[in-house]
Amino acid sequence: MSEHDATQEPTHEESEQENRNRLEIEITFTTFLFSLAQTALTYLGELEHPDTGTRAVDLDIAKQNIDILGLLEQKTRNNLLPEEDKLLKNMLYDLRMKYLRARGGLS
């Protein structure tokens, strides 16, 4: 732990190091899909927002990310590895069901 106790804000250097650590994750098609899905889940209220630590619902942002995943499914059809195709289809199904529930369309 740094010189600061847990109640203090991180220093500029600590914040920069945290940002660098986030950027060190290898970007692959799969991590890109997970990033979009995580954003959708965050705005469906399923996950805490990484910056605020709170849960908030914004169905427009959630839908936009789900729609982007749907567009990727269309544009990459017959051009994915079987495991990538399965992951994308499963993500879309789960996110669409959660979105419908959040809109009040499913009980």
C-alpha atoms as a PDB file:
ATOM      1  CA  MET A   1       0.000   0.000   0.000  1.00  0.00           C
ATOM      2  CA  SER A   2       1.227   3.532  -0.658  1.00  0.00           C
ATOM      3  CA  GLU A   3       1.892   6.276   1.851  1.00  0.00           C
ATOM      4  CA  HIS A   4      -1.754   7.286   1.551  1.00  0.00           C
ATOM      5  CA  ASP A   5      -4.347   5.580   3.671  1.00  0.00           C
ATOM      6  CA  ALA A   6      -7.407   3.957   2.097  1.00  0.00           C
ATOM      7  CA  THR A   7      -9.570   7.069   2.493  1.00  0.00           C
ATOM      8  CA  GLN A   8      -7.362   9.352   0.384  1.00  0.00           C
ATOM      9  CA  GLU A   9      -7.560   9.804  -3.362  1.00  0.00           C
ATOM     10  CA  PRO A  10      -4.798   8.097  -5.366  1.00  0.00           C
ATOM     11  CA  THR A  11      -1.899  10.280  -6.386  1.00  0.00           C
ATOM     12  CA  HIS A  12      -1.445  11.329  -9.996  1.00  0.00           C
ATOM     13  CA  GLU A  13       1.326   8.732 -10.361  1.00  0.00           C
ATOM     14  CA  GLU A  14      -0.877   5.979  -8.922  1.00  0.00           C
ATOM     15  CA  SER A  15      -3.717   6.910 -11.284  1.00  0.00           C
ATOM     16  CA  GLU A  16      -1.378   6.879 -14.285  1.00  0.00           C
ATOM     17  CA  GLN A  17      -0.012   3.455 -13.288  1.00  0.00           C
ATOM     18  CA  GLU A  18      -3.548   2.091 -12.958  1.00  0.00           C
ATOM     19  CA  ASN A  19      -4.390   3.399 -16.437  1.00  0.00           C
ATOM     20  CA  ARG A  20      -1.226   1.811 -17.878  1.00  0.00           C
ATOM     21  CA  ASN A  21      -2.140  -1.513 -16.259  1.00  0.00           C
ATOM     22  CA  ARG A  22      -5.578  -1.381 -17.905  1.00  0.00           C
ATOM     23  CA  LEU A  23      -3.981  -0.698 -21.292  1.00  0.00           C
ATOM     24  CA  GLU A  24      -1.615  -3.671 -21.013  1.00  0.00           C
ATOM     25  CA  ILE A  25      -4.454  -6.122 -21.674  1.00  0.00           C
ATOM     26  CA  GLU A  26      -3.954  -7.696 -25.084  1.00  0.00           C
ATOM     27  CA  ILE A  27      -6.625  -6.544 -27.512  1.00  0.00           C
ATOM     28  CA  THR A  28      -8.148  -9.453 -29.390  1.00  0.00           C
ATOM     29  CA  PHE A  29     -11.510  -9.911 -31.044  1.00  0.00           C
ATOM     30  CA  THR A  30     -12.691 -11.717 -27.909  1.00  0.00           C
ATOM     31  CA  THR A  31     -11.546  -8.980 -25.513  1.00  0.00           C
ATOM     32  CA  PHE A  32     -13.198  -6.423 -27.806  1.00  0.00           C
ATOM     33  CA  LEU A  33     -16.488  -8.353 -27.570  1.00  0.00           C
ATOM     34  CA  PHE A  34     -16.167  -8.587 -23.790  1.00  0.00           C
ATOM     35  CA  SER A  35     -15.539  -4.844 -23.593  1.00  0.00           C
ATOM     36  CA  LEU A  36     -18.738  -4.062 -25.493  1.00  0.00           C
ATOM     37  CA  ALA A  37     -20.702  -6.615 -23.463  1.00  0.00           C
ATOM     38  CA  GLN A  38     -19.341  -5.226 -20.189  1.00  0.00           C
ATOM     39  CA  THR A  39     -20.441  -1.728 -21.171  1.00  0.00           C
ATOM     40  CA  ALA A  40     -23.905  -3.028 -22.053  1.00  0.00           C
ATOM     41  CA  LEU A  41     -24.149  -4.904 -18.742  1.00  0.00           C
ATOM     42  CA  THR A  42     -23.012  -1.824 -16.845  1.00  0.00           C
ATOM     43  CA  TYR A  43     -25.753   0.315 -18.367  1.00  0.00           C
ATOM     44  CA  LEU A  44     -28.329  -2.417 -17.865  1.00  0.00           C
ATOM     45  CA  GLY A  45     -27.535  -2.016 -14.160  1.00  0.00           C
ATOM     46  CA  GLU A  46     -26.016  -5.502 -13.915  1.00  0.00           C
ATOM     47  CA  LEU A  47     -22.489  -4.294 -13.055  1.00  0.00           C
ATOM     48  CA  GLU A  48     -21.044  -1.406 -11.102  1.00  0.00           C
ATOM     49  CA  HIS A  49     -19.631   1.413 -13.206  1.00  0.00           C
ATOM     50  CA  PRO A  50     -15.826   1.025 -13.032  1.00  0.00           C
ATOM     51  CA  ASP A  51     -15.216   4.742 -12.400  1.00  0.00           C
ATOM     52  CA  THR A  52     -18.014   5.506  -9.944  1.00  0.00           C
ATOM     53  CA  GLY A  53     -18.545   2.150  -8.241  1.00  0.00           C
ATOM     54  CA  THR A  54     -22.305   2.656  -8.538  1.00  0.00           C
ATOM     55  CA  ARG A  55     -24.978   0.932 -10.579  1.00  0.00           C
ATOM     56  CA  ALA A  56     -26.920   3.080 -12.993  1.00  0.00           C
ATOM     57  CA  VAL A  57     -29.306   2.238 -15.800  1.00  0.00           C
ATOM     58  CA  ASP A  58     -29.133   3.902 -19.206  1.00  0.00           C
ATOM     59  CA  LEU A  59     -31.001   1.665 -21.617  1.00  0.00           C
ATOM     60  CA  ASP A  60     -30.092   3.786 -24.648  1.00  0.00           C
ATOM     61  CA  ILE A  61     -26.365   3.241 -24.095  1.00  0.00           C
ATOM     62  CA  ALA A  62     -26.947  -0.442 -23.319  1.00  0.00           C
ATOM     63  CA  LYS A  63     -28.951  -0.872 -26.536  1.00  0.00           C
ATOM     64  CA  GLN A  64     -26.300   0.923 -28.578  1.00  0.00           C
ATOM     65  CA  ASN A  65     -23.641  -1.535 -27.395  1.00  0.00           C
ATOM     66  CA  ILE A  66     -25.924  -4.514 -28.008  1.00  0.00           C
ATOM     67  CA  ASP A  67     -26.639  -3.175 -31.503  1.00  0.00           C
ATOM     68  CA  ILE A  68     -22.895  -2.809 -32.171  1.00  0.00           C
ATOM     69  CA  LEU A  69     -22.423  -6.453 -31.199  1.00  0.00           C
ATOM     70  CA  GLY A  70     -25.293  -7.358 -33.539  1.00  0.00           C
ATOM     71  CA  LEU A  71     -23.647  -5.421 -36.354  1.00  0.00           C
ATOM     72  CA  LEU A  72     -20.378  -7.245 -35.710  1.00  0.00           C
ATOM     73  CA  GLU A  73     -22.251 -10.544 -35.886  1.00  0.00           C
ATOM     74  CA  GLN A  74     -23.661  -9.610 -39.301  1.00  0.00           C
ATOM     75  CA  LYS A  75     -20.414  -8.236 -40.718  1.00  0.00           C
ATOM     76  CA  THR A  76     -18.243 -11.126 -39.517  1.00  0.00           C
ATOM     77  CA  ARG A  77     -20.634 -13.931 -40.499  1.00  0.00           C
ATOM     78  CA  ASN A  78     -18.700 -16.961 -41.829  1.00  0.00           C
ATOM     79  CA  ASN A  79     -15.417 -15.269 -40.932  1.00  0.00           C
ATOM     80  CA  LEU A  80     -15.017 -16.199 -37.255  1.00  0.00           C
ATOM     81  CA  LEU A  81     -13.484 -19.130 -35.471  1.00  0.00           C
ATOM     82  CA  PRO A  82     -16.199 -21.477 -34.157  1.00  0.00           C
ATOM     83  CA  GLU A  83     -15.531 -20.466 -30.539  1.00  0.00           C
ATOM     84  CA  GLU A  84     -15.712 -16.746 -31.441  1.00  0.00           C
ATOM     85  CA  ASP A  85     -18.985 -17.289 -33.286  1.00  0.00           C
ATOM     86  CA  LYS A  86     -20.470 -19.204 -30.349  1.00  0.00           C
ATOM     87  CA  LEU A  87     -19.293 -16.563 -27.862  1.00  0.00           C
ATOM     88  CA  LEU A  88     -20.812 -13.734 -29.894  1.00  0.00           C
ATOM     89  CA  LYS A  89     -24.140 -15.525 -30.384  1.00  0.00           C
ATOM     90  CA  ASN A  90     -24.379 -16.392 -26.669  1.00  0.00           C
ATOM     91  CA  MET A  91     -23.453 -12.848 -25.629  1.00  0.00           C
ATOM     92  CA  LEU A  92     -26.075 -11.368 -27.908  1.00  0.00           C
ATOM     93  CA  TYR A  93     -28.780 -13.739 -26.691  1.00  0.00           C
ATOM     94  CA  ASP A  94     -28.023 -13.048 -23.017  1.00  0.00           C
ATOM     95  CA  LEU A  95     -27.738  -9.281 -23.484  1.00  0.00           C
ATOM     96  CA  ARG A  96     -30.936  -9.075 -25.532  1.00  0.00           C
ATOM     97  CA  MET A  97     -32.862 -11.025 -22.883  1.00  0.00           C
ATOM     98  CA  LYS A  98     -31.508  -8.791 -20.109  1.00  0.00           C
ATOM     99  CA  TYR A  99     -32.379  -5.709 -22.169  1.00  0.00           C
ATOM    100  CA  LEU A 100     -35.960  -6.918 -22.706  1.00  0.00           C
ATOM    101  CA  ARG A 101     -36.313  -7.592 -18.968  1.00  0.00           C
ATOM    102  CA  ALA A 102     -34.965  -4.136 -18.159  1.00  0.00           C
ATOM    103  CA  ARG A 103     -37.476  -2.577 -20.581  1.00  0.00           C
ATOM    104  CA  GLY A 104     -40.256  -4.531 -18.903  1.00  0.00           C
ATOM    105  CA  GLY A 105     -40.784  -6.802 -21.903  1.00  0.00           C
ATOM    106  CA  LEU A 106     -40.081 -10.066 -20.057  1.00  0.00           C
ATOM    107  CA  SER A 107     -41.051 -11.179 -16.586  1.00  0.00           C
END
